[in-house]
C-alpha atoms as a PDB file:
ATOM      1  CA  MET A   1     -59.045  -8.160   6.755  1.00  0.00           C
ATOM      2  CA  SER A   2     -55.661  -8.934   5.186  1.00  0.00           C
ATOM      3  CA  ILE A   3     -54.378  -6.621   2.477  1.00  0.00           C
ATOM      4  CA  LEU A   4     -54.291  -9.730   0.280  1.00  0.00           C
ATOM      5  CA  ASP A   5     -58.094  -9.734   0.259  1.00  0.00           C
ATOM      6  CA  GLU A   6     -58.218  -6.380  -1.511  1.00  0.00           C
ATOM      7  CA  TYR A   7     -56.659  -7.710  -4.741  1.00  0.00           C
ATOM      8  CA  GLN A   8     -57.242 -10.461  -7.308  1.00  0.00           C
ATOM      9  CA  GLY A   9     -53.703 -11.006  -8.663  1.00  0.00           C
ATOM     10  CA  TYR A  10     -50.210 -10.804  -7.192  1.00  0.00           C
ATOM     11  CA  VAL A  11     -46.670 -10.194  -8.386  1.00  0.00           C
ATOM     12  CA  PHE A  12     -43.539 -10.946  -6.351  1.00  0.00           C
ATOM     13  CA  ASP A  13     -40.058  -9.624  -6.996  1.00  0.00           C
ATOM     14  CA  LEU A  14     -37.524 -12.386  -6.294  1.00  0.00           C
ATOM     15  CA  ASP A  15     -34.124 -11.207  -4.964  1.00  0.00           C
ATOM     16  CA  GLY A  16     -34.623  -9.469  -1.627  1.00  0.00           C
ATOM     17  CA  THR A  17     -38.363 -10.177  -1.507  1.00  0.00           C
ATOM     18  CA  VAL A  18     -38.958 -13.931  -1.855  1.00  0.00           C
ATOM     19  CA  TYR A  19     -35.385 -15.124  -1.376  1.00  0.00           C
ATOM     20  CA  LEU A  20     -31.884 -13.869  -0.770  1.00  0.00           C
ATOM     21  CA  GLY A  21     -29.110 -15.947  -2.292  1.00  0.00           C
ATOM     22  CA  GLU A  22     -30.077 -19.579  -1.772  1.00  0.00           C
ATOM     23  CA  ASP A  23     -32.426 -19.009   1.158  1.00  0.00           C
ATOM     24  CA  LEU A  24     -36.163 -18.412   1.145  1.00  0.00           C
ATOM     25  CA  LEU A  25     -37.023 -15.338   3.205  1.00  0.00           C
ATOM     26  CA  ALA A  26     -39.242 -15.692   6.251  1.00  0.00           C
ATOM     27  CA  GLY A  27     -42.956 -15.643   5.504  1.00  0.00           C
ATOM     28  CA  ALA A  28     -42.601 -16.136   1.742  1.00  0.00           C
ATOM     29  CA  GLU A  29     -43.801 -19.737   1.598  1.00  0.00           C
ATOM     30  CA  HIS A  30     -46.796 -19.019   3.843  1.00  0.00           C
ATOM     31  CA  VAL A  31     -47.976 -15.953   1.904  1.00  0.00           C
ATOM     32  CA  ILE A  32     -47.565 -17.623  -1.488  1.00  0.00           C
ATOM     33  CA  SER A  33     -49.321 -20.778  -0.287  1.00  0.00           C
ATOM     34  CA  THR A  34     -52.210 -18.657   1.008  1.00  0.00           C
ATOM     35  CA  ILE A  35     -52.624 -17.069  -2.423  1.00  0.00           C
ATOM     36  CA  ARG A  36     -52.430 -20.465  -4.132  1.00  0.00           C
ATOM     37  CA  ARG A  37     -55.100 -21.920  -1.864  1.00  0.00           C
ATOM     38  CA  ALA A  38     -57.377 -18.986  -2.685  1.00  0.00           C
ATOM     39  CA  GLY A  39     -57.034 -19.884  -6.381  1.00  0.00           C
ATOM     40  CA  ARG A  40     -55.726 -16.469  -7.367  1.00  0.00           C
ATOM     41  CA  PRO A  41     -53.079 -15.955 -10.052  1.00  0.00           C
ATOM     42  CA  LEU A  42     -49.548 -14.857  -9.246  1.00  0.00           C
ATOM     43  CA  LEU A  43     -46.329 -14.131 -11.086  1.00  0.00           C
ATOM     44  CA  TYR A  44     -42.690 -13.710 -10.138  1.00  0.00           C
ATOM     45  CA  LEU A  45     -40.709 -10.840 -11.550  1.00  0.00           C
ATOM     46  CA  THR A  46     -36.970 -10.320 -11.784  1.00  0.00           C
ATOM     47  CA  ASN A  47     -34.681  -7.802 -13.416  1.00  0.00           C
ATOM     48  CA  LYS A  48     -31.905 -10.396 -13.258  1.00  0.00           C
ATOM     49  CA  PRO A  49     -31.254 -11.663 -16.815  1.00  0.00           C
ATOM     50  CA  LEU A  50     -28.702 -14.329 -15.931  1.00  0.00           C
ATOM     51  CA  GLU A  51     -30.959 -17.396 -16.166  1.00  0.00           C
ATOM     52  CA  PRO A  52     -33.949 -18.468 -18.269  1.00  0.00           C
ATOM     53  CA  SER A  53     -37.372 -18.341 -16.614  1.00  0.00           C
ATOM     54  CA  SER A  54     -37.304 -22.120 -16.241  1.00  0.00           C
ATOM     55  CA  ALA A  55     -34.222 -21.876 -14.005  1.00  0.00           C
ATOM     56  CA  TYR A  56     -35.869 -19.353 -11.680  1.00  0.00           C
ATOM     57  CA  ALA A  57     -38.942 -21.595 -11.534  1.00  0.00           C
ATOM     58  CA  ALA A  58     -36.763 -24.593 -10.689  1.00  0.00           C
ATOM     59  CA  LYS A  59     -35.010 -22.658  -7.924  1.00  0.00           C
ATOM     60  CA  LEU A  60     -38.315 -21.599  -6.364  1.00  0.00           C
ATOM     61  CA  THR A  61     -39.596 -25.159  -6.572  1.00  0.00           C
ATOM     62  CA  GLN A  62     -36.445 -26.474  -4.909  1.00  0.00           C
ATOM     63  CA  LEU A  63     -36.886 -23.900  -2.129  1.00  0.00           C
ATOM     64  CA  GLY A  64     -40.384 -25.254  -1.449  1.00  0.00           C
ATOM     65  CA  VAL A  65     -42.463 -22.921  -3.618  1.00  0.00           C
ATOM     66  CA  PRO A  66     -43.705 -24.941  -6.637  1.00  0.00           C
ATOM     67  CA  THR A  67     -43.521 -22.714  -9.721  1.00  0.00           C
ATOM     68  CA  ALA A  68     -44.032 -23.111 -13.477  1.00  0.00           C
ATOM     69  CA  ALA A  69     -41.706 -21.426 -15.961  1.00  0.00           C
ATOM     70  CA  ASP A  70     -44.505 -19.277 -17.408  1.00  0.00           C
ATOM     71  CA  GLU A  71     -45.072 -17.783 -13.952  1.00  0.00           C
ATOM     72  CA  VAL A  72     -41.675 -16.027 -14.105  1.00  0.00           C
ATOM     73  CA  VAL A  73     -41.102 -12.817 -16.079  1.00  0.00           C
ATOM     74  CA  SER A  74     -37.516 -11.546 -16.390  1.00  0.00           C
ATOM     75  CA  SER A  75     -35.883  -8.511 -17.979  1.00  0.00           C
ATOM     76  CA  LEU A  76     -34.470 -10.921 -20.563  1.00  0.00           C
ATOM     77  CA  ASP A  77     -38.045 -11.738 -21.631  1.00  0.00           C
ATOM     78  CA  ALA A  78     -38.800  -8.018 -21.850  1.00  0.00           C
ATOM     79  CA  LEU A  79     -35.661  -7.363 -23.922  1.00  0.00           C
ATOM     80  CA  VAL A  80     -36.467 -10.049 -26.484  1.00  0.00           C
ATOM     81  CA  THR A  81     -40.070  -8.823 -26.751  1.00  0.00           C
ATOM     82  CA  TYR A  82     -38.868  -5.246 -27.252  1.00  0.00           C
ATOM     83  CA  LEU A  83     -36.376  -6.195 -29.956  1.00  0.00           C
ATOM     84  CA  CYS A  84     -38.962  -8.343 -31.761  1.00  0.00           C
ATOM     85  CA  ASP A  85     -41.384  -5.395 -31.747  1.00  0.00           C
ATOM     86  CA  VAL A  86     -39.010  -2.509 -32.490  1.00  0.00           C
ATOM     87  CA  HIS A  87     -35.944  -4.040 -34.180  1.00  0.00           C
ATOM     88  CA  PRO A  88     -37.100  -7.332 -35.751  1.00  0.00           C
ATOM     89  CA  GLY A  89     -34.278  -9.305 -37.335  1.00  0.00           C
ATOM     90  CA  ALA A  90     -31.655  -6.759 -36.281  1.00  0.00           C
ATOM     91  CA  ARG A  91     -27.931  -7.413 -36.014  1.00  0.00           C
ATOM     92  CA  VAL A  92     -27.247  -7.301 -32.265  1.00  0.00           C
ATOM     93  CA  LEU A  93     -24.003  -6.967 -30.331  1.00  0.00           C
ATOM     94  CA  PRO A  94     -24.630  -8.393 -26.838  1.00  0.00           C
ATOM     95  CA  VAL A  95     -22.739  -6.941 -23.874  1.00  0.00           C
ATOM     96  CA  SER A  96     -23.767  -9.787 -21.653  1.00  0.00           C
ATOM     97  CA  GLU A  97     -23.188 -13.299 -20.430  1.00  0.00           C
ATOM     98  CA  PRO A  98     -23.732 -16.119 -22.988  1.00  0.00           C
ATOM     99  CA  LEU A  99     -27.450 -16.667 -22.298  1.00  0.00           C
ATOM    100  CA  LEU A 100     -28.512 -13.441 -24.002  1.00  0.00           C
ATOM    101  CA  ALA A 101     -26.650 -14.251 -27.214  1.00  0.00           C
ATOM    102  CA  ARG A 102     -28.125 -17.766 -27.305  1.00  0.00           C
ATOM    103  CA  THR A 103     -31.631 -16.447 -26.677  1.00  0.00           C
ATOM    104  CA  LEU A 104     -31.345 -13.821 -29.401  1.00  0.00           C
ATOM    105  CA  ALA A 105     -30.022 -16.352 -31.914  1.00  0.00           C
ATOM    106  CA  ASP A 106     -32.900 -18.702 -31.071  1.00  0.00           C
ATOM    107  CA  ARG A 107     -35.353 -15.881 -31.819  1.00  0.00           C
ATOM    108  CA  GLY A 108     -33.882 -15.170 -35.250  1.00  0.00           C
ATOM    109  CA  PHE A 109     -31.560 -12.267 -34.532  1.00  0.00           C
ATOM    110  CA  THR A 110     -28.063 -12.076 -36.003  1.00  0.00           C
ATOM    111  CA  VAL A 111     -25.601 -11.992 -33.101  1.00  0.00           C
ATOM    112  CA  VAL A 112     -22.576  -9.867 -33.977  1.00  0.00           C
ATOM    113  CA  SER A 113     -19.145 -10.651 -32.537  1.00  0.00           C
ATOM    114  CA  ALA A 114     -16.863  -8.068 -30.928  1.00  0.00           C
ATOM    115  CA  GLU A 115     -14.546  -8.273 -33.925  1.00  0.00           C
ATOM    116  CA  ASP A 116     -17.443  -7.366 -36.222  1.00  0.00           C
ATOM    117  CA  ALA A 117     -18.961  -4.745 -33.887  1.00  0.00           C
ATOM    118  CA  VAL A 118     -19.329  -1.995 -36.491  1.00  0.00           C
ATOM    119  CA  ARG A 119     -21.972  -4.124 -38.292  1.00  0.00           C
ATOM    120  CA  ALA A 120     -24.283  -4.085 -35.261  1.00  0.00           C
ATOM    121  CA  GLN A 121     -27.572  -2.210 -35.392  1.00  0.00           C
ATOM    122  CA  VAL A 122     -28.306  -2.678 -31.692  1.00  0.00           C
ATOM    123  CA  VAL A 123     -26.027  -2.971 -28.657  1.00  0.00           C
ATOM    124  CA  ALA A 124     -27.887  -5.012 -26.021  1.00  0.00           C
ATOM    125  CA  VAL A 125     -26.452  -4.294 -22.574  1.00  0.00           C
ATOM    126  CA  SER A 126     -27.204  -6.637 -19.685  1.00  0.00           C
ATOM    127  CA  PHE A 127     -26.049  -7.551 -16.184  1.00  0.00           C
ATOM    128  CA  ASP A 128     -22.665  -9.063 -17.049  1.00  0.00           C
ATOM    129  CA  ARG A 129     -20.245 -10.544 -14.522  1.00  0.00           C
ATOM    130  CA  THR A 130     -17.704 -10.987 -17.351  1.00  0.00           C
ATOM    131  CA  PHE A 131     -17.750  -7.319 -18.420  1.00  0.00           C
ATOM    132  CA  ASP A 132     -14.297  -6.073 -19.452  1.00  0.00           C
ATOM    133  CA  TYR A 133     -12.502  -3.487 -21.583  1.00  0.00           C
ATOM    134  CA  ALA A 134     -12.789  -5.570 -24.740  1.00  0.00           C
ATOM    135  CA  LYS A 135     -16.585  -5.622 -24.437  1.00  0.00           C
ATOM    136  CA  LEU A 136     -16.670  -1.891 -23.691  1.00  0.00           C
ATOM    137  CA  ASN A 137     -14.510  -1.168 -26.729  1.00  0.00           C
ATOM    138  CA  ALA A 138     -16.729  -3.292 -28.969  1.00  0.00           C
ATOM    139  CA  ALA A 139     -19.830  -1.448 -27.747  1.00  0.00           C
ATOM    140  CA  PHE A 140     -18.042   1.869 -28.276  1.00  0.00           C
ATOM    141  CA  ARG A 141     -17.211   0.990 -31.893  1.00  0.00           C
ATOM    142  CA  ALA A 142     -20.733  -0.254 -32.583  1.00  0.00           C
ATOM    143  CA  VAL A 143     -22.447   2.858 -31.226  1.00  0.00           C
ATOM    144  CA  ARG A 144     -20.000   5.186 -32.977  1.00  0.00           C
ATOM    145  CA  ALA A 145     -20.887   3.351 -36.206  1.00  0.00           C
ATOM    146  CA  GLY A 146     -24.603   3.988 -35.691  1.00  0.00           C
ATOM    147  CA  ALA A 147     -25.979   1.267 -33.402  1.00  0.00           C
ATOM    148  CA  VAL A 148     -28.600   2.109 -30.781  1.00  0.00           C
ATOM    149  CA  ILE A 149     -28.333   0.967 -27.163  1.00  0.00           C
ATOM    150  CA  VAL A 150     -30.985  -1.133 -25.404  1.00  0.00           C
ATOM    151  CA  ALA A 151     -30.540  -2.411 -21.843  1.00  0.00           C
ATOM    152  CA  THR A 152     -32.225  -5.095 -19.787  1.00  0.00           C
ATOM    153  CA  ASN A 153     -32.483  -3.214 -16.488  1.00  0.00           C
ATOM    154  CA  ALA A 154     -31.479  -0.142 -14.519  1.00  0.00           C
ATOM    155  CA  ASP A 155     -30.492  -1.781 -11.232  1.00  0.00           C
ATOM    156  CA  ARG A 156     -27.272  -0.392  -9.748  1.00  0.00           C
ATOM    157  CA  TYR A 157     -26.579  -3.588  -7.827  1.00  0.00           C
ATOM    158  CA  CYS A 158     -28.043  -7.034  -7.290  1.00  0.00           C
ATOM    159  CA  PRO A 159     -28.708  -7.999  -3.647  1.00  0.00           C
ATOM    160  CA  THR A 160     -26.681 -10.950  -2.329  1.00  0.00           C
ATOM    161  CA  PRO A 161     -26.153 -12.283   1.193  1.00  0.00           C
ATOM    162  CA  ASP A 162     -22.692 -10.657   1.310  1.00  0.00           C
ATOM    163  CA  GLY A 163     -23.795  -7.203   0.191  1.00  0.00           C
ATOM    164  CA  GLY A 164     -24.461  -7.274  -3.547  1.00  0.00           C
ATOM    165  CA  LEU A 165     -22.911  -7.266  -7.013  1.00  0.00           C
ATOM    166  CA  PRO A 166     -22.661  -4.405  -9.553  1.00  0.00           C
ATOM    167  CA  ASP A 167     -25.651  -4.781 -11.888  1.00  0.00           C
ATOM    168  CA  CYS A 168     -26.600  -3.664 -15.397  1.00  0.00           C
ATOM    169  CA  ALA A 169     -26.657   0.056 -14.584  1.00  0.00           C
ATOM    170  CA  ALA A 170     -22.876  -0.071 -14.139  1.00  0.00           C
ATOM    171  CA  MET A 171     -22.284  -1.638 -17.566  1.00  0.00           C
ATOM    172  CA  LEU A 172     -24.798   0.711 -19.195  1.00  0.00           C
ATOM    173  CA  ALA A 173     -23.194   3.769 -17.574  1.00  0.00           C
ATOM    174  CA  ALA A 174     -19.797   2.780 -18.963  1.00  0.00           C
ATOM    175  CA  VAL A 175     -21.161   2.381 -22.498  1.00  0.00           C
ATOM    176  CA  GLU A 176     -23.109   5.644 -22.333  1.00  0.00           C
ATOM    177  CA  ALA A 177     -20.148   7.523 -20.841  1.00  0.00           C
ATOM    178  CA  CYS A 178     -17.653   6.642 -23.568  1.00  0.00           C
ATOM    179  CA  THR A 179     -20.083   6.929 -26.496  1.00  0.00           C
ATOM    180  CA  GLY A 180     -22.015  10.010 -25.384  1.00  0.00           C
ATOM    181  CA  ALA A 181     -25.192   8.151 -26.372  1.00  0.00           C
ATOM    182  CA  THR A 182     -28.209   7.355 -24.204  1.00  0.00           C
ATOM    183  CA  ALA A 183     -30.037   4.043 -24.199  1.00  0.00           C
ATOM    184  CA  GLU A 184     -33.048   4.016 -26.487  1.00  0.00           C
ATOM    185  CA  ALA A 185     -34.847   1.811 -23.973  1.00  0.00           C
ATOM    186  CA  VAL A 186     -34.286   0.124 -20.615  1.00  0.00           C
ATOM    187  CA  VAL A 187     -36.902  -2.598 -20.715  1.00  0.00           C
ATOM    188  CA  GLY A 188     -36.899  -4.170 -17.251  1.00  0.00           C
ATOM    189  CA  LYS A 189     -38.492  -2.717 -14.126  1.00  0.00           C
ATOM    190  CA  PRO A 190     -39.703   0.059 -13.888  1.00  0.00           C
ATOM    191  CA  SER A 191     -40.512   0.229 -17.615  1.00  0.00           C
ATOM    192  CA  VAL A 192     -44.068   0.353 -18.891  1.00  0.00           C
ATOM    193  CA  ARG A 193     -43.199  -2.611 -21.140  1.00  0.00           C
ATOM    194  CA  MET A 194     -42.530  -4.827 -18.118  1.00  0.00           C
ATOM    195  CA  ALA A 195     -45.726  -3.631 -16.431  1.00  0.00           C
ATOM    196  CA  ARG A 196     -47.756  -4.357 -19.559  1.00  0.00           C
ATOM    197  CA  THR A 197     -46.293  -7.875 -19.761  1.00  0.00           C
ATOM    198  CA  ILE A 198     -47.350  -8.587 -16.177  1.00  0.00           C
ATOM    199  CA  LEU A 199     -50.904  -7.347 -16.636  1.00  0.00           C
ATOM    200  CA  GLU A 200     -51.335  -9.245 -19.900  1.00  0.00           C
ATOM    201  CA  ARG A 201     -50.183 -12.508 -18.310  1.00  0.00           C
ATOM    202  CA  LEU A 202     -52.441 -12.045 -15.293  1.00  0.00           C
ATOM    203  CA  ASP A 203     -55.326 -10.864 -17.520  1.00  0.00           C
ATOM    204  CA  LEU A 204     -56.346  -8.355 -14.873  1.00  0.00           C
ATOM    205  CA  PRO A 205     -56.660  -4.554 -14.702  1.00  0.00           C
ATOM    206  CA  ALA A 206     -53.855  -2.809 -12.829  1.00  0.00           C
ATOM    207  CA  GLU A 207     -56.017  -1.767  -9.872  1.00  0.00           C
ATOM    208  CA  GLN A 208     -56.708  -5.428  -9.064  1.00  0.00           C
ATOM    209  CA  VAL A 209     -52.996  -6.351  -8.894  1.00  0.00           C
ATOM    210  CA  LEU A 210     -50.692  -6.094  -5.870  1.00  0.00           C
ATOM    211  CA  LEU A 211     -46.926  -6.133  -6.336  1.00  0.00           C
ATOM    212  CA  PHE A 212     -44.414  -7.018  -3.606  1.00  0.00           C
ATOM    213  CA  GLY A 213     -40.882  -5.653  -3.990  1.00  0.00           C
ATOM    214  CA  ASP A 214     -37.868  -4.348  -2.102  1.00  0.00           C
ATOM    215  CA  ARG A 215     -36.774  -1.464  -4.355  1.00  0.00           C
ATOM    216  CA  ILE A 216     -38.421   1.930  -4.599  1.00  0.00           C
ATOM    217  CA  GLU A 217     -36.879   2.956  -7.908  1.00  0.00           C
ATOM    218  CA  THR A 218     -37.807  -0.236  -9.772  1.00  0.00           C
ATOM    219  CA  ASP A 219     -40.498  -2.360  -8.090  1.00  0.00           C
ATOM    220  CA  ILE A 220     -42.534   0.376  -6.431  1.00  0.00           C
ATOM    221  CA  ALA A 221     -42.129   2.963  -9.185  1.00  0.00           C
ATOM    222  CA  MET A 222     -43.291   0.504 -11.838  1.00  0.00           C
ATOM    223  CA  ALA A 223     -46.297  -0.677  -9.839  1.00  0.00           C
ATOM    224  CA  ARG A 224     -47.483   2.782  -8.830  1.00  0.00           C
ATOM    225  CA  ASN A 225     -46.971   4.335 -12.258  1.00  0.00           C
ATOM    226  CA  ALA A 226     -48.992   1.503 -13.807  1.00  0.00           C
ATOM    227  CA  GLY A 227     -51.800   1.833 -11.258  1.00  0.00           C
ATOM    228  CA  MET A 228     -51.075  -1.332  -9.259  1.00  0.00           C
ATOM    229  CA  GLY A 229     -50.975  -1.635  -5.503  1.00  0.00           C
ATOM    230  CA  ALA A 230     -47.415  -1.804  -4.178  1.00  0.00           C
ATOM    231  CA  VAL A 231     -46.005  -3.402  -1.035  1.00  0.00           C
ATOM    232  CA  LEU A 232     -42.466  -2.320  -0.177  1.00  0.00           C
ATOM    233  CA  VAL A 233     -40.731  -4.934   1.984  1.00  0.00           C
ATOM    234  CA  LEU A 234     -37.663  -3.912   3.966  1.00  0.00           C
ATOM    235  CA  SER A 235     -36.026  -7.334   3.646  1.00  0.00           C
ATOM    236  CA  GLY A 236     -33.849  -6.307   0.694  1.00  0.00           C
ATOM    237  CA  ALA A 237     -32.422  -3.073  -0.680  1.00  0.00           C
ATOM    238  CA  THR A 238     -34.450  -0.333   1.051  1.00  0.00           C
ATOM    239  CA  THR A 239     -34.256   1.212   4.526  1.00  0.00           C
ATOM    240  CA  ARG A 240     -37.287   2.455   6.472  1.00  0.00           C
ATOM    241  CA  ALA A 241     -36.047   6.050   6.174  1.00  0.00           C
ATOM    242  CA  ALA A 242     -35.905   5.719   2.392  1.00  0.00           C
ATOM    243  CA  ALA A 243     -39.350   4.125   2.389  1.00  0.00           C
ATOM    244  CA  LEU A 244     -40.848   7.076   4.262  1.00  0.00           C
ATOM    245  CA  ALA A 245     -39.341   9.511   1.759  1.00  0.00           C
ATOM    246  CA  ALA A 246     -40.265   7.507  -1.332  1.00  0.00           C
ATOM    247  CA  SER A 247     -42.014   9.091  -4.294  1.00  0.00           C
ATOM    248  CA  PRO A 248     -44.127   7.573  -5.634  1.00  0.00           C
ATOM    249  CA  ALA A 249     -45.041   6.219  -2.216  1.00  0.00           C
ATOM    250  CA  PRO A 250     -45.758   2.505  -1.774  1.00  0.00           C
ATOM    251  CA  THR A 251     -49.299   1.538  -0.841  1.00  0.00           C
ATOM    252  CA  TYR A 252     -47.947  -0.430   2.131  1.00  0.00           C
ATOM    253  CA  VAL A 253     -44.575  -0.795   3.872  1.00  0.00           C
ATOM    254  CA  LEU A 254     -43.754  -4.069   5.663  1.00  0.00           C
ATOM    255  CA  ASP A 255     -40.618  -5.238   7.471  1.00  0.00           C
ATOM    256  CA  GLY A 256     -40.972  -8.479   5.504  1.00  0.00           C
ATOM    257  CA  LEU A 257     -43.537 -10.987   4.325  1.00  0.00           C
ATOM    258  CA  THR A 258     -43.801 -12.304   7.888  1.00  0.00           C
ATOM    259  CA  ASP A 259     -45.952  -9.222   8.611  1.00  0.00           C
ATOM    260  CA  LEU A 260     -48.700 -10.942   6.591  1.00  0.00           C
ATOM    261  CA  VAL A 261     -48.457 -14.146   8.636  1.00  0.00           C
ATOM    262  CA  PRO A 262     -51.179 -14.355  11.336  1.00  0.00           C
ATOM    263  CA  GLY A 263     -50.017 -14.514  14.947  1.00  0.00           C
END
């Protein structure tokens, strides 16, 4: 019996699990198609806050895996949900690329400029390929004036075909280092908020959900801490040696999704 048969709902990390760069990873289309044919629900999960969910869905569809926008959950979604719940209507200084500011404005938040940083109530730190000293200084002034820090995700780097890019953890570390403050919340994987979002969308209890991911500290930790099954695939950021030493341990370890392909 396939391990797929033991669960009723499925969650797939994207970078390093389903695709890498612009290429679908081996076995991904077959496994996802098998789940679709069985009529079982699935979601895609990413800590990468650089695109709206619709863009990730479009990319998957273009790669041969038809996907609807509401089947993708990102750390940007989790951040907006957190701010709506905990800091509704707050003045927010984004340390991010433009999408975050646009999304916050669309949801009724006041987006504060760097020049007006001391008015901010929240500094929202995200994966930012345009991060520079001016943004760091604005965040520094905002936090010193009383703003709290919230971050999208704790990933140290984002997997790419040529080795990776520094991710949100690097920007967050810089802000925390100069201010002496610690983020109030990091809302992407492995946070309980992200896990709760997944389970609510699938409308299933945790023990009936199987998550596929390539990172121990985010994908696997979130799944296991929430009570989900967890498949660690070695097609992305984790070595076999690290997998064997992992705590919490994944339920299964596979070289890649091809291990689920018969024959």
